[in-house]
Protein backbone atom coordinates (compact mmCIF):
# COMPACT_ATOMS: atom_id res chain seq x y z
CA ILE A 1 -174.94 120.48 33.78
CA ARG A 2 -176.05 121.67 30.34
CA LYS A 3 -179.35 122.97 31.70
CA GLU A 4 -177.60 125.47 33.99
CA VAL A 5 -174.34 126.13 32.16
CA ASP A 6 -175.03 126.29 28.41
CA PHE A 7 -177.49 129.19 28.58
CA ILE A 8 -175.01 131.34 30.56
CA ILE A 9 -172.17 130.50 28.16
CA GLN A 10 -174.36 131.56 25.21
CA GLN A 11 -175.09 134.86 26.96
CA VAL A 12 -171.46 135.65 27.75
CA TRP A 13 -169.97 134.20 24.53
CA PRO A 14 -172.73 134.38 21.87
CA LYS A 15 -170.31 133.19 19.15
CA PHE A 16 -169.49 130.01 21.14
CA ARG A 17 -172.51 128.08 19.88
CA LEU A 18 -173.27 124.85 21.75
CA VAL A 19 -175.39 122.29 19.92
CA TYR A 20 -176.27 119.08 21.74
CA THR A 21 -176.32 116.07 19.40
CA ASP A 22 -178.13 112.79 20.11
CA PRO A 23 -176.77 109.54 18.64
CA THR A 24 -178.49 108.42 15.45
CA ALA A 25 -178.88 104.93 16.95
CA GLY A 26 -179.16 103.75 20.55
CA THR A 27 -179.64 105.87 23.65
CA PRO A 28 -177.61 108.90 24.74
CA GLY A 29 -174.86 108.12 27.24
CA THR A 30 -171.16 108.25 27.96
CA GLY A 31 -170.27 105.34 25.67
CA SER A 32 -172.22 106.67 22.71
CA GLY A 33 -170.83 110.18 23.29
CA ILE A 34 -167.22 108.97 23.24
CA ARG A 35 -167.92 106.81 20.17
CA MET A 36 -169.39 109.84 18.37
CA LEU A 37 -166.39 111.93 19.44
CA ILE A 38 -163.96 109.39 17.97
CA GLU A 39 -166.03 109.31 14.77
CA ASN A 40 -165.76 113.12 14.50
CA GLN A 41 -169.48 113.69 15.05
CA LEU A 42 -168.79 115.86 18.14
CA ALA A 43 -166.31 118.54 19.07
CA PHE A 44 -166.07 117.24 22.68
CA SER A 45 -168.18 115.05 24.94
CA GLN A 46 -169.21 114.72 28.55
CA ALA A 47 -168.67 111.49 30.47
CA SER A 48 -169.71 109.99 33.80
CA ARG A 49 -166.72 107.63 33.87
CA SER A 50 -163.08 107.52 32.83
CA LEU A 51 -162.02 106.57 29.32
CA LYS A 52 -161.63 102.85 28.67
CA ASP A 53 -158.42 101.42 27.22
CA GLU A 54 -160.26 100.24 24.12
CA GLU A 55 -161.66 103.75 23.52
CA ILE A 56 -158.18 105.27 23.81
CA GLN A 57 -156.88 102.66 21.34
CA ARG A 58 -159.77 103.18 18.94
CA ALA A 59 -159.09 106.91 18.96
CA GLN A 60 -155.37 106.32 18.34
CA GLN A 61 -156.24 104.17 15.32
CA ARG A 62 -157.99 107.23 13.91
CA GLY A 63 -155.02 109.47 14.72
CA LEU A 64 -156.65 111.04 17.79
CA THR A 65 -155.43 111.49 21.35
CA LEU A 66 -158.20 111.88 23.92
CA LYS A 67 -157.87 113.75 27.22
CA GLU A 68 -160.29 113.53 30.14
CA VAL A 69 -160.66 116.54 32.42
CA PRO A 70 -162.63 116.22 35.70
CA VAL A 71 -165.17 119.01 36.25
CA ALA A 72 -167.47 117.81 39.07
CA ILE A 73 -168.14 115.13 41.68
CA ASP A 74 -171.20 112.91 41.50
CA GLY A 75 -172.55 109.90 43.35
CA ILE A 76 -174.92 107.02 42.72
CA ALA A 77 -178.12 107.19 44.76
CA ILE A 78 -180.61 104.38 45.41
CA ALA A 79 -184.34 105.02 45.02
CA VAL A 80 -187.08 102.92 46.62
CA HIS A 81 -190.80 103.37 47.32
CA PRO A 82 -191.37 105.96 50.10
CA ASP A 83 -193.42 103.44 52.13
CA LEU A 84 -190.79 100.67 52.05
CA PRO A 85 -189.70 100.09 55.67
CA VAL A 86 -185.97 99.69 54.96
CA SER A 87 -183.59 102.23 56.53
CA GLY A 88 -180.53 101.59 54.34
CA LEU A 89 -178.33 99.07 52.55
CA THR A 90 -174.72 98.00 52.59
CA ILE A 91 -172.82 97.92 49.30
CA THR A 92 -172.68 94.11 49.58
CA GLN A 93 -176.47 93.92 49.97
CA LEU A 94 -176.91 96.21 46.97
CA LYS A 95 -174.60 94.00 44.92
CA ASP A 96 -176.51 90.87 46.00
CA ILE A 97 -179.83 92.48 45.03
CA TYR A 98 -178.62 93.34 41.52
CA THR A 99 -176.89 90.01 40.91
CA GLY A 100 -180.03 88.12 42.00
CA LYS A 101 -178.63 86.63 45.20
CA ILE A 102 -181.08 88.63 47.36
CA ARG A 103 -184.62 88.62 45.93
CA ASN A 104 -186.85 89.46 48.92
CA TRP A 105 -186.81 92.60 51.07
CA ARG A 106 -187.11 90.33 54.14
CA GLN A 107 -183.45 89.34 53.56
CA VAL A 108 -182.34 92.92 54.31
CA GLY A 109 -184.67 93.64 57.24
CA GLY A 110 -187.73 94.67 55.26
CA PRO A 111 -191.15 93.09 54.66
CA ASN A 112 -191.83 89.73 53.00
CA LEU A 113 -191.98 91.25 49.54
CA ALA A 114 -190.29 90.43 46.23
CA ILE A 115 -187.61 92.91 45.13
CA ILE A 116 -188.11 94.43 41.67
CA PRO A 117 -184.69 95.80 40.59
CA TYR A 118 -184.74 98.26 37.68
CA SER A 119 -181.75 99.24 35.55
CA ARG A 120 -180.85 100.74 32.22
CA ARG A 121 -178.94 98.40 29.93
CA LYS A 122 -175.15 98.23 30.10
CA GLU A 123 -174.71 99.83 26.69
CA ASP A 124 -176.92 102.78 27.69
CA GLY A 125 -174.45 104.86 29.65
CA GLY A 126 -171.51 105.44 31.91
CA THR A 127 -173.61 105.19 35.07
CA VAL A 128 -174.54 101.57 34.35
CA GLU A 129 -170.94 100.70 33.44
CA PHE A 130 -169.69 102.38 36.60
CA PHE A 131 -172.28 100.52 38.71
CA ILE A 132 -171.29 97.16 37.21
CA ASP A 133 -167.57 97.84 37.68
CA GLN A 134 -167.62 99.39 41.14
CA VAL A 135 -170.69 97.92 42.88
CA LEU A 136 -171.19 94.56 41.18
CA GLU A 137 -167.40 94.12 40.84
CA LYS A 138 -167.91 93.20 37.17
CA ALA A 139 -170.49 90.46 37.97
CA ASP A 140 -173.51 90.01 35.69
CA PHE A 141 -176.96 91.38 36.44
CA GLY A 142 -179.42 88.84 37.86
CA ASP A 143 -182.12 87.33 35.64
CA ASN A 144 -184.80 89.27 37.55
CA ILE A 145 -183.66 92.74 36.42
CA GLN A 146 -186.33 94.80 34.67
CA TYR A 147 -184.75 97.09 32.08
CA VAL A 148 -185.88 100.66 31.50
CA TYR A 149 -185.03 103.26 28.86
CA SER A 150 -184.08 106.08 31.23
CA THR A 151 -184.27 107.41 34.77
CA THR A 152 -187.62 109.23 34.52
CA PRO A 153 -189.73 106.12 33.71
CA ALA A 154 -187.67 104.10 36.19
CA LEU A 155 -188.45 106.46 39.07
CA ARG A 156 -192.10 106.43 38.06
CA LYS A 157 -192.11 102.63 38.28
CA VAL A 158 -190.41 102.68 41.70
CA SER A 159 -192.99 105.19 42.98
CA GLN A 160 -195.76 102.79 41.88
CA ASN A 161 -194.22 99.52 43.12
CA LEU A 162 -193.51 98.96 46.82
CA GLY A 163 -190.83 96.37 45.96
CA GLY A 164 -189.04 98.50 43.36
CA ILE A 165 -185.44 99.73 43.52
CA TYR A 166 -183.37 101.78 41.07
CA TYR A 167 -179.95 103.50 40.97
CA ALA A 168 -178.92 106.66 39.13
CA SER A 169 -176.86 109.81 39.39
CA ALA A 170 -177.61 111.38 42.80
CA PRO A 171 -178.85 114.78 41.48
CA GLU A 172 -181.42 112.90 39.37
CA VAL A 173 -182.73 110.97 42.40
CA VAL A 174 -182.28 112.85 45.68
CA PRO A 175 -184.65 115.83 45.00
CA GLN A 176 -187.44 113.73 43.46
CA CYS A 177 -190.94 113.43 44.87
CA GLY A 178 -192.67 110.03 44.97
CA ILE A 179 -189.57 108.03 46.02
CA LYS A 180 -187.17 107.93 48.94
CA THR A 181 -183.40 107.65 48.77
CA LEU A 182 -181.64 105.04 50.89
CA PRO A 183 -178.50 105.67 52.96
CA LEU A 184 -175.62 103.39 51.94
CA GLY A 185 -172.53 102.11 53.70
CA LYS A 186 -169.72 99.60 53.64
CA SER A 187 -171.16 98.18 56.87
CA GLU A 188 -174.58 98.34 58.52
CA ASN A 189 -173.36 100.58 61.34
CA LYS A 190 -171.82 103.15 58.96
CA LEU A 191 -174.67 104.13 56.65
CA VAL A 192 -174.34 107.56 55.01
CA ALA A 193 -177.26 109.42 53.44
CA PRO A 194 -176.80 111.06 50.01
CA TYR A 195 -179.18 113.82 51.20
CA GLN A 196 -178.87 116.44 53.93
CA GLU A 197 -180.42 115.28 57.20
CA PRO A 198 -183.20 115.26 58.21
CA SER A 199 -184.86 113.68 55.19
CA ILE A 200 -187.86 115.56 53.80
CA PRO A 201 -190.82 113.15 53.35
CA SER A 202 -192.38 112.92 49.89
CA SER A 203 -195.64 114.29 51.33
CA GLN A 204 -193.90 117.70 51.68
CA CYS A 205 -192.53 117.60 48.13
CA PRO A 206 -192.36 119.67 45.88
CA GLN A 207 -192.77 122.56 48.36
CA LYS A 208 -189.56 121.26 49.96
CA ARG A 209 -187.04 118.95 48.33
CA ASN A 210 -184.13 116.93 49.65
CA GLN A 211 -180.72 118.47 48.96
CA LEU A 212 -177.46 116.66 48.20
CA ASN A 213 -175.15 115.83 51.09
CA GLU A 214 -172.28 117.67 49.41
CA LEU A 215 -169.90 117.36 52.35
CA ALA A 216 -170.16 113.56 52.40
CA PHE A 217 -169.47 113.49 48.66
CA GLN A 218 -166.46 115.83 48.85
CA LYS A 219 -164.94 113.99 51.83
CA GLY A 220 -165.50 110.58 50.23
CA GLU A 221 -167.68 109.44 53.15
CA TYR A 222 -170.55 108.44 50.86
CA PRO A 223 -169.54 105.02 49.47
CA ILE A 224 -170.39 105.43 45.76
CA THR A 225 -168.87 108.62 44.39
CA ARG A 226 -167.23 109.36 41.06
CA ARG A 227 -165.90 112.23 39.01
CA LEU A 228 -167.57 113.66 35.92
CA PHE A 229 -165.41 114.52 32.92
CA VAL A 230 -165.24 116.45 29.70
CA ILE A 231 -163.47 114.43 26.98
CA ILE A 232 -161.34 116.53 24.64
CA LYS A 233 -159.66 115.68 21.33
CA GLN A 234 -156.01 116.68 21.29
CA ASN A 235 -155.72 117.29 17.56
CA GLY A 236 -154.52 120.91 17.49
CA GLN A 237 -157.68 121.94 15.65
CA LEU A 238 -160.86 123.89 16.39
CA ASP A 239 -162.46 120.95 18.23
CA GLU A 240 -159.62 120.90 20.76
CA GLN A 241 -159.87 124.68 21.25
CA ALA A 242 -163.64 124.37 21.79
CA GLY A 243 -163.22 121.57 24.33
CA GLU A 244 -160.50 123.41 26.23
CA ALA A 245 -162.59 126.59 26.28
CA TYR A 246 -165.63 124.70 27.59
CA VAL A 247 -163.57 123.07 30.36
CA ASP A 248 -161.97 126.39 31.30
CA LEU A 249 -165.44 127.92 31.69
CA LEU A 250 -166.69 125.01 33.84
CA LEU A 251 -163.68 125.32 36.13
CA THR A 252 -164.08 129.06 36.79
CA ASP A 253 -165.69 130.09 40.09
CA GLN A 254 -168.94 130.87 38.24
CA GLY A 255 -168.79 127.58 36.33
CA GLN A 256 -168.37 125.61 39.55
CA GLU A 257 -171.28 127.57 41.10
CA LEU A 258 -173.45 126.64 38.12
CA ILE A 259 -172.42 122.98 38.45
CA GLU A 260 -173.50 123.15 42.08
CA LYS A 261 -176.79 124.78 41.03
CA ALA A 262 -177.30 121.87 38.62
CA GLY A 263 -177.17 119.54 41.62
CA PHE A 264 -173.62 118.22 41.33
CA VAL A 265 -170.76 118.73 43.76
CA PRO A 266 -168.09 121.22 42.63
CA LEU A 267 -164.49 120.06 42.57
CA ARG A 268 -163.40 123.04 44.65
């Protein structure tokens, strides 16, 4: 979102200076952003999940009230090697792969080949937390998970390993060359693609790229969707004004168009 939106905001409101701040320790993500917000290191933060009860309580202990405002719709997309002969997965199969119950692609209709599941660590971001809560139903990762720092190296590994699989925010996965994105469903006869049909093969990329299946996301037909938020401090000070102003800009018609340009699905 920042890539498309921040530059336009700076043009229209040059005095509204946006400075992105990385955490001093650990990797950037929803959890670290909210922690930094509570510790007064940020004016507001972005989040790919709702606030947790413990974060609300921790803020209250510091005299802060936090508010989450939805600004976009996102989904989790599954990346595999483009030559892997698997047409899709059910949510149960995906859960079994990441909890270690399914370890060979033959168990889901593919070749006799070991599955190499990649993931970022739980503490690395809201996407991982969301995946554990909603897909794994709070179960632990299997002992065969290979951990990666971020999505870019993970997709590179999947493109180099026929047995690889990885999950991430759909706009980060669907348009990429060198991988294919799997349709998902609650049952095998109701698989929904996160991309617009027909799929563009990686051999035609980057001249053509797959586009998000926005309609399936908006209608809730795609099985793993979520809302993206801006987290605002309600402290009656400049930080709250900045957060509210940022949200107001994102929710304008132009802001929603820019969110769509960034690859996410607008709320309206």
